[in-house]
Amino acid sequence: MAKQKIVVKVTMNTEKKARKALQIAVSLSGVESASFVGSDKDQIAVTGEGIDSVELTTLLRKGVGYTELVSVGPVEEKKPDAAKETNPTVASLNFNPYQYYYGNFGMPYYAYA
């Protein structure tokens, strides 16, 4: 099966409902990514392989509220430019495992009394 992109319009009045809707969308099998799209961020775009759009809409209706299936279609794959491939940039990461060295602190000050 090919990757598909499903766009669902969900009525989300509060931040809690928005988080719950995204959690429901990600919980389905085959989902690779889910994000808010649209001018009001009231639509959820779900991409993945083998996603059942009817099951997604039904679960969102049960969990959040009014849900409308906007579109189902293949994912538009972005083709990388040839210029970017010819000039790769190398990023190095300096990692110091002994960044926090506290040394020997010795006895506490109250133990000398």
N, C-alpha and C. Protein backbone atom coordinates (compact mmCIF):
# COMPACT_ATOMS: atom_id res chain seq x y z
N MET A 1 0.83 -1.19 0.00
CA MET A 1 0.00 0.00 0.00
C MET A 1 0.87 1.25 0.00
N ALA A 2 0.36 2.30 -0.57
CA ALA A 2 1.09 3.56 -0.62
C ALA A 2 0.69 4.44 0.56
N LYS A 3 1.55 5.39 0.83
CA LYS A 3 1.25 6.33 1.92
C LYS A 3 0.06 7.18 1.51
N GLN A 4 -0.74 7.53 2.50
CA GLN A 4 -1.88 8.39 2.22
C GLN A 4 -1.97 9.50 3.25
N LYS A 5 -2.62 10.57 2.85
CA LYS A 5 -2.81 11.73 3.72
C LYS A 5 -4.30 11.94 3.91
N ILE A 6 -4.73 11.96 5.17
CA ILE A 6 -6.14 12.15 5.50
C ILE A 6 -6.26 13.47 6.25
N VAL A 7 -7.16 14.33 5.80
CA VAL A 7 -7.42 15.60 6.46
C VAL A 7 -8.83 15.55 7.05
N VAL A 8 -8.91 15.80 8.35
CA VAL A 8 -10.16 15.72 9.08
C VAL A 8 -10.41 17.04 9.78
N LYS A 9 -11.61 17.59 9.64
CA LYS A 9 -11.97 18.83 10.33
C LYS A 9 -12.68 18.46 11.62
N VAL A 10 -12.15 18.97 12.73
CA VAL A 10 -12.68 18.63 14.05
C VAL A 10 -13.02 19.91 14.79
N THR A 11 -14.18 19.92 15.45
CA THR A 11 -14.55 21.07 16.27
C THR A 11 -13.88 20.93 17.62
N MET A 12 -12.87 21.77 17.86
CA MET A 12 -12.12 21.72 19.12
C MET A 12 -12.22 23.09 19.78
N ASN A 13 -13.03 23.18 20.83
CA ASN A 13 -13.24 24.46 21.49
C ASN A 13 -12.16 24.77 22.52
N THR A 14 -11.60 23.75 23.13
CA THR A 14 -10.62 23.97 24.18
C THR A 14 -9.30 23.29 23.82
N GLU A 15 -8.26 23.64 24.56
CA GLU A 15 -6.95 23.04 24.36
C GLU A 15 -6.97 21.56 24.73
N LYS A 16 -7.79 21.21 25.71
CA LYS A 16 -7.89 19.82 26.14
C LYS A 16 -8.45 18.94 25.02
N LYS A 17 -9.47 19.43 24.33
CA LYS A 17 -10.04 18.67 23.21
C LYS A 17 -9.07 18.55 22.05
N ALA A 18 -8.26 19.58 21.84
CA ALA A 18 -7.28 19.54 20.76
C ALA A 18 -6.22 18.48 21.05
N ARG A 19 -5.75 18.43 22.31
CA ARG A 19 -4.77 17.41 22.68
C ARG A 19 -5.35 16.02 22.57
N LYS A 20 -6.62 15.86 22.98
CA LYS A 20 -7.26 14.56 22.93
C LYS A 20 -7.46 14.11 21.49
N ALA A 21 -7.82 15.03 20.61
CA ALA A 21 -8.01 14.70 19.20
C ALA A 21 -6.70 14.24 18.57
N LEU A 22 -5.62 14.93 18.88
CA LEU A 22 -4.32 14.54 18.34
C LEU A 22 -3.87 13.20 18.90
N GLN A 23 -4.17 12.96 20.16
CA GLN A 23 -3.82 11.68 20.79
C GLN A 23 -4.59 10.53 20.15
N ILE A 24 -5.86 10.73 19.85
CA ILE A 24 -6.67 9.71 19.20
C ILE A 24 -6.14 9.43 17.79
N ALA A 25 -5.78 10.50 17.08
CA ALA A 25 -5.29 10.34 15.71
C ALA A 25 -3.98 9.57 15.67
N VAL A 26 -3.10 9.81 16.62
CA VAL A 26 -1.81 9.14 16.63
C VAL A 26 -1.92 7.70 17.10
N SER A 27 -2.96 7.39 17.86
CA SER A 27 -3.10 6.05 18.43
C SER A 27 -3.48 4.98 17.40
N LEU A 28 -3.94 5.37 16.23
CA LEU A 28 -4.32 4.40 15.21
C LEU A 28 -3.08 3.70 14.64
N SER A 29 -3.28 2.47 14.22
CA SER A 29 -2.15 1.73 13.64
C SER A 29 -1.87 2.23 12.22
N GLY A 30 -0.60 2.35 11.90
CA GLY A 30 -0.19 2.80 10.58
C GLY A 30 0.07 4.28 10.47
N VAL A 31 -0.21 5.05 11.53
CA VAL A 31 -0.02 6.50 11.49
C VAL A 31 1.44 6.83 11.71
N GLU A 32 2.01 7.62 10.80
CA GLU A 32 3.39 8.06 10.93
C GLU A 32 3.48 9.45 11.52
N SER A 33 2.56 10.34 11.15
CA SER A 33 2.58 11.69 11.70
C SER A 33 1.18 12.28 11.67
N ALA A 34 0.95 13.20 12.59
CA ALA A 34 -0.32 13.92 12.66
C ALA A 34 -0.02 15.35 13.06
N SER A 35 -0.67 16.30 12.41
CA SER A 35 -0.41 17.70 12.72
C SER A 35 -1.66 18.53 12.46
N PHE A 36 -1.70 19.71 13.10
CA PHE A 36 -2.80 20.64 12.89
C PHE A 36 -2.53 21.44 11.63
N VAL A 37 -3.53 21.60 10.79
CA VAL A 37 -3.42 22.41 9.58
C VAL A 37 -4.65 23.30 9.48
N GLY A 38 -4.65 24.17 8.51
CA GLY A 38 -5.78 25.06 8.30
C GLY A 38 -5.52 26.42 8.91
N SER A 39 -6.38 27.38 8.55
CA SER A 39 -6.18 28.75 9.02
C SER A 39 -6.46 28.87 10.52
N ASP A 40 -7.44 28.14 11.03
CA ASP A 40 -7.78 28.21 12.44
C ASP A 40 -7.21 27.05 13.24
N LYS A 41 -6.37 26.24 12.61
CA LYS A 41 -5.82 25.02 13.23
C LYS A 41 -6.94 24.11 13.73
N ASP A 42 -8.00 24.05 12.93
CA ASP A 42 -9.14 23.20 13.29
C ASP A 42 -9.17 21.91 12.48
N GLN A 43 -8.14 21.67 11.69
CA GLN A 43 -8.06 20.46 10.89
C GLN A 43 -6.83 19.66 11.31
N ILE A 44 -6.96 18.34 11.24
CA ILE A 44 -5.84 17.46 11.56
C ILE A 44 -5.46 16.70 10.31
N ALA A 45 -4.19 16.79 9.91
CA ALA A 45 -3.67 16.05 8.77
C ALA A 45 -2.91 14.84 9.29
N VAL A 46 -3.35 13.65 8.91
CA VAL A 46 -2.75 12.40 9.36
C VAL A 46 -2.13 11.72 8.16
N THR A 47 -0.86 11.38 8.25
CA THR A 47 -0.18 10.67 7.17
C THR A 47 0.29 9.32 7.67
N GLY A 48 0.23 8.35 6.79
CA GLY A 48 0.68 7.01 7.15
C GLY A 48 0.30 6.02 6.09
N GLU A 49 0.45 4.75 6.43
CA GLU A 49 0.20 3.68 5.47
C GLU A 49 -0.87 2.76 6.05
N GLY A 50 -1.93 2.54 5.29
CA GLY A 50 -2.98 1.62 5.70
C GLY A 50 -3.88 2.17 6.79
N ILE A 51 -4.14 3.47 6.80
CA ILE A 51 -5.00 4.07 7.82
C ILE A 51 -6.45 3.99 7.34
N ASP A 52 -7.33 3.56 8.23
CA ASP A 52 -8.76 3.50 7.92
C ASP A 52 -9.38 4.86 8.25
N SER A 53 -9.81 5.58 7.22
CA SER A 53 -10.34 6.92 7.43
C SER A 53 -11.68 6.92 8.16
N VAL A 54 -12.48 5.89 7.95
CA VAL A 54 -13.77 5.80 8.62
C VAL A 54 -13.57 5.55 10.12
N GLU A 55 -12.62 4.69 10.44
CA GLU A 55 -12.33 4.41 11.85
C GLU A 55 -11.79 5.66 12.55
N LEU A 56 -10.93 6.42 11.86
CA LEU A 56 -10.40 7.66 12.41
C LEU A 56 -11.52 8.65 12.71
N THR A 57 -12.43 8.82 11.74
CA THR A 57 -13.53 9.77 11.95
C THR A 57 -14.45 9.32 13.06
N THR A 58 -14.74 8.04 13.13
CA THR A 58 -15.64 7.52 14.17
C THR A 58 -15.03 7.72 15.55
N LEU A 59 -13.75 7.41 15.70
CA LEU A 59 -13.10 7.58 17.00
C LEU A 59 -13.05 9.05 17.42
N LEU A 60 -12.81 9.94 16.46
CA LEU A 60 -12.79 11.36 16.79
C LEU A 60 -14.17 11.87 17.15
N ARG A 61 -15.20 11.36 16.51
CA ARG A 61 -16.57 11.76 16.86
C ARG A 61 -16.93 11.30 18.26
N LYS A 62 -16.53 10.10 18.62
CA LYS A 62 -16.82 9.58 19.96
C LYS A 62 -16.03 10.31 21.03
N GLY A 63 -14.76 10.61 20.74
CA GLY A 63 -13.90 11.18 21.76
C GLY A 63 -13.95 12.69 21.89
N VAL A 64 -14.14 13.40 20.77
CA VAL A 64 -14.03 14.86 20.80
C VAL A 64 -15.35 15.55 20.50
N GLY A 65 -15.98 15.17 19.41
CA GLY A 65 -17.22 15.85 19.02
C GLY A 65 -17.39 15.80 17.52
N TYR A 66 -17.98 16.86 16.97
CA TYR A 66 -18.27 16.92 15.55
C TYR A 66 -17.00 16.78 14.73
N THR A 67 -17.01 15.85 13.77
CA THR A 67 -15.85 15.59 12.92
C THR A 67 -16.32 15.42 11.48
N GLU A 68 -15.58 16.04 10.57
CA GLU A 68 -15.91 15.97 9.15
C GLU A 68 -14.68 15.55 8.37
N LEU A 69 -14.83 14.53 7.54
CA LEU A 69 -13.75 14.03 6.71
C LEU A 69 -13.60 14.95 5.50
N VAL A 70 -12.47 15.64 5.40
CA VAL A 70 -12.28 16.64 4.34
C VAL A 70 -11.70 16.00 3.09
N SER A 71 -10.58 15.27 3.22
CA SER A 71 -9.98 14.67 2.03
C SER A 71 -9.14 13.46 2.39
N VAL A 72 -9.04 12.55 1.42
CA VAL A 72 -8.19 11.38 1.52
C VAL A 72 -7.45 11.28 0.18
N GLY A 73 -6.13 11.21 0.25
CA GLY A 73 -5.36 11.15 -0.99
C GLY A 73 -3.95 10.70 -0.75
N PRO A 74 -3.19 10.51 -1.82
CA PRO A 74 -1.79 10.10 -1.67
C PRO A 74 -0.94 11.26 -1.16
N VAL A 75 0.18 10.92 -0.56
CA VAL A 75 1.10 11.93 -0.03
C VAL A 75 1.93 12.49 -1.18
N GLU A 76 2.04 13.82 -1.22
CA GLU A 76 2.90 14.44 -2.23
C GLU A 76 4.32 14.37 -1.72
N GLU A 77 5.15 13.58 -2.39
CA GLU A 77 6.53 13.43 -1.96
C GLU A 77 7.37 14.57 -2.51
N LYS A 78 8.19 15.15 -1.66
CA LYS A 78 9.04 16.25 -2.07
C LYS A 78 10.33 15.68 -2.64
N LYS A 79 10.71 16.18 -3.80
CA LYS A 79 11.95 15.72 -4.43
C LYS A 79 13.07 16.66 -4.01
N PRO A 80 14.15 16.11 -3.46
CA PRO A 80 15.26 16.97 -3.04
C PRO A 80 15.98 17.57 -4.24
N ASP A 81 16.49 18.77 -4.08
CA ASP A 81 17.22 19.44 -5.14
C ASP A 81 18.58 18.80 -5.33
N ALA A 82 19.06 18.78 -6.57
CA ALA A 82 20.36 18.20 -6.87
C ALA A 82 21.49 19.06 -6.31
N ALA A 83 21.27 20.36 -6.20
CA ALA A 83 22.30 21.25 -5.67
C ALA A 83 22.57 20.97 -4.20
N LYS A 84 21.58 20.61 -3.48
CA LYS A 84 21.75 20.33 -2.06
C LYS A 84 22.52 19.03 -1.84
N GLU A 85 22.38 18.09 -2.75
CA GLU A 85 23.07 16.81 -2.60
C GLU A 85 24.55 16.92 -2.91
N THR A 86 24.93 17.83 -3.80
CA THR A 86 26.33 17.94 -4.18
C THR A 86 27.17 18.63 -3.11
N ASN A 87 26.58 19.48 -2.28
CA ASN A 87 27.32 20.20 -1.25
C ASN A 87 26.80 19.79 0.14
N PRO A 88 27.16 18.62 0.59
CA PRO A 88 26.69 18.23 1.92
C PRO A 88 27.47 18.97 3.00
N THR A 89 26.80 19.30 4.06
CA THR A 89 27.46 19.95 5.19
C THR A 89 27.62 18.93 6.30
N VAL A 90 28.75 18.97 6.95
CA VAL A 90 29.05 18.04 8.02
C VAL A 90 29.00 18.81 9.33
N ALA A 91 28.18 18.34 10.23
CA ALA A 91 28.09 18.97 11.54
C ALA A 91 28.74 18.05 12.56
N SER A 92 29.60 18.62 13.36
CA SER A 92 30.27 17.82 14.38
C SER A 92 29.71 18.18 15.74
N LEU A 93 29.66 17.21 16.60
CA LEU A 93 29.14 17.39 17.94
C LEU A 93 30.24 17.04 18.92
N ASN A 94 30.61 18.00 19.72
CA ASN A 94 31.63 17.77 20.74
C ASN A 94 30.93 17.32 22.02
N PHE A 95 31.28 16.15 22.47
CA PHE A 95 30.64 15.58 23.65
C PHE A 95 31.71 15.34 24.70
N ASN A 96 31.53 15.94 25.84
CA ASN A 96 32.46 15.77 26.95
C ASN A 96 31.74 14.97 28.04
N PRO A 97 32.10 13.71 28.25
CA PRO A 97 31.39 12.92 29.26
C PRO A 97 31.70 13.37 30.68
N TYR A 98 32.79 14.13 30.88
CA TYR A 98 33.17 14.59 32.21
C TYR A 98 32.90 16.08 32.36
N GLN A 99 31.75 16.49 31.91
CA GLN A 99 31.43 17.92 31.92
C GLN A 99 31.27 18.43 33.35
N TYR A 100 30.65 17.67 34.22
CA TYR A 100 30.42 18.09 35.58
C TYR A 100 31.31 17.29 36.52
N TYR A 101 32.47 17.80 36.79
CA TYR A 101 33.39 17.14 37.70
C TYR A 101 33.38 17.93 39.01
N TYR A 102 32.96 17.29 40.06
CA TYR A 102 32.85 17.97 41.34
C TYR A 102 34.04 17.69 42.26
N GLY A 103 34.85 16.74 41.95
CA GLY A 103 36.02 16.47 42.76
C GLY A 103 35.67 15.86 44.11
N ASN A 104 36.66 15.87 45.00
CA ASN A 104 36.43 15.36 46.33
C ASN A 104 36.04 16.50 47.25
N PHE A 105 34.91 16.37 47.84
CA PHE A 105 34.43 17.43 48.72
C PHE A 105 34.94 17.24 50.14
N GLY A 106 35.29 16.03 50.49
CA GLY A 106 35.79 15.80 51.83
C GLY A 106 34.67 15.73 52.86
N MET A 107 35.01 16.00 54.07
CA MET A 107 34.06 15.92 55.18
C MET A 107 33.23 17.19 55.23
N PRO A 108 31.99 17.10 55.71
CA PRO A 108 31.17 18.30 55.89
C PRO A 108 31.77 19.18 57.00
N TYR A 109 31.46 20.46 56.94
CA TYR A 109 32.05 21.41 57.88
C TYR A 109 31.64 21.15 59.33
N TYR A 110 30.47 20.58 59.55
CA TYR A 110 30.01 20.34 60.92
C TYR A 110 30.69 19.11 61.53
N ALA A 111 31.38 18.30 60.76
CA ALA A 111 32.05 17.12 61.28
C ALA A 111 33.39 17.47 61.94
N TYR A 112 33.93 18.67 61.70
CA TYR A 112 35.21 19.07 62.26
C TYR A 112 35.09 19.61 63.68
N ALA A 113 33.90 19.86 64.12
CA ALA A 113 33.74 20.46 65.45
C ALA A 113 33.96 19.49 66.59
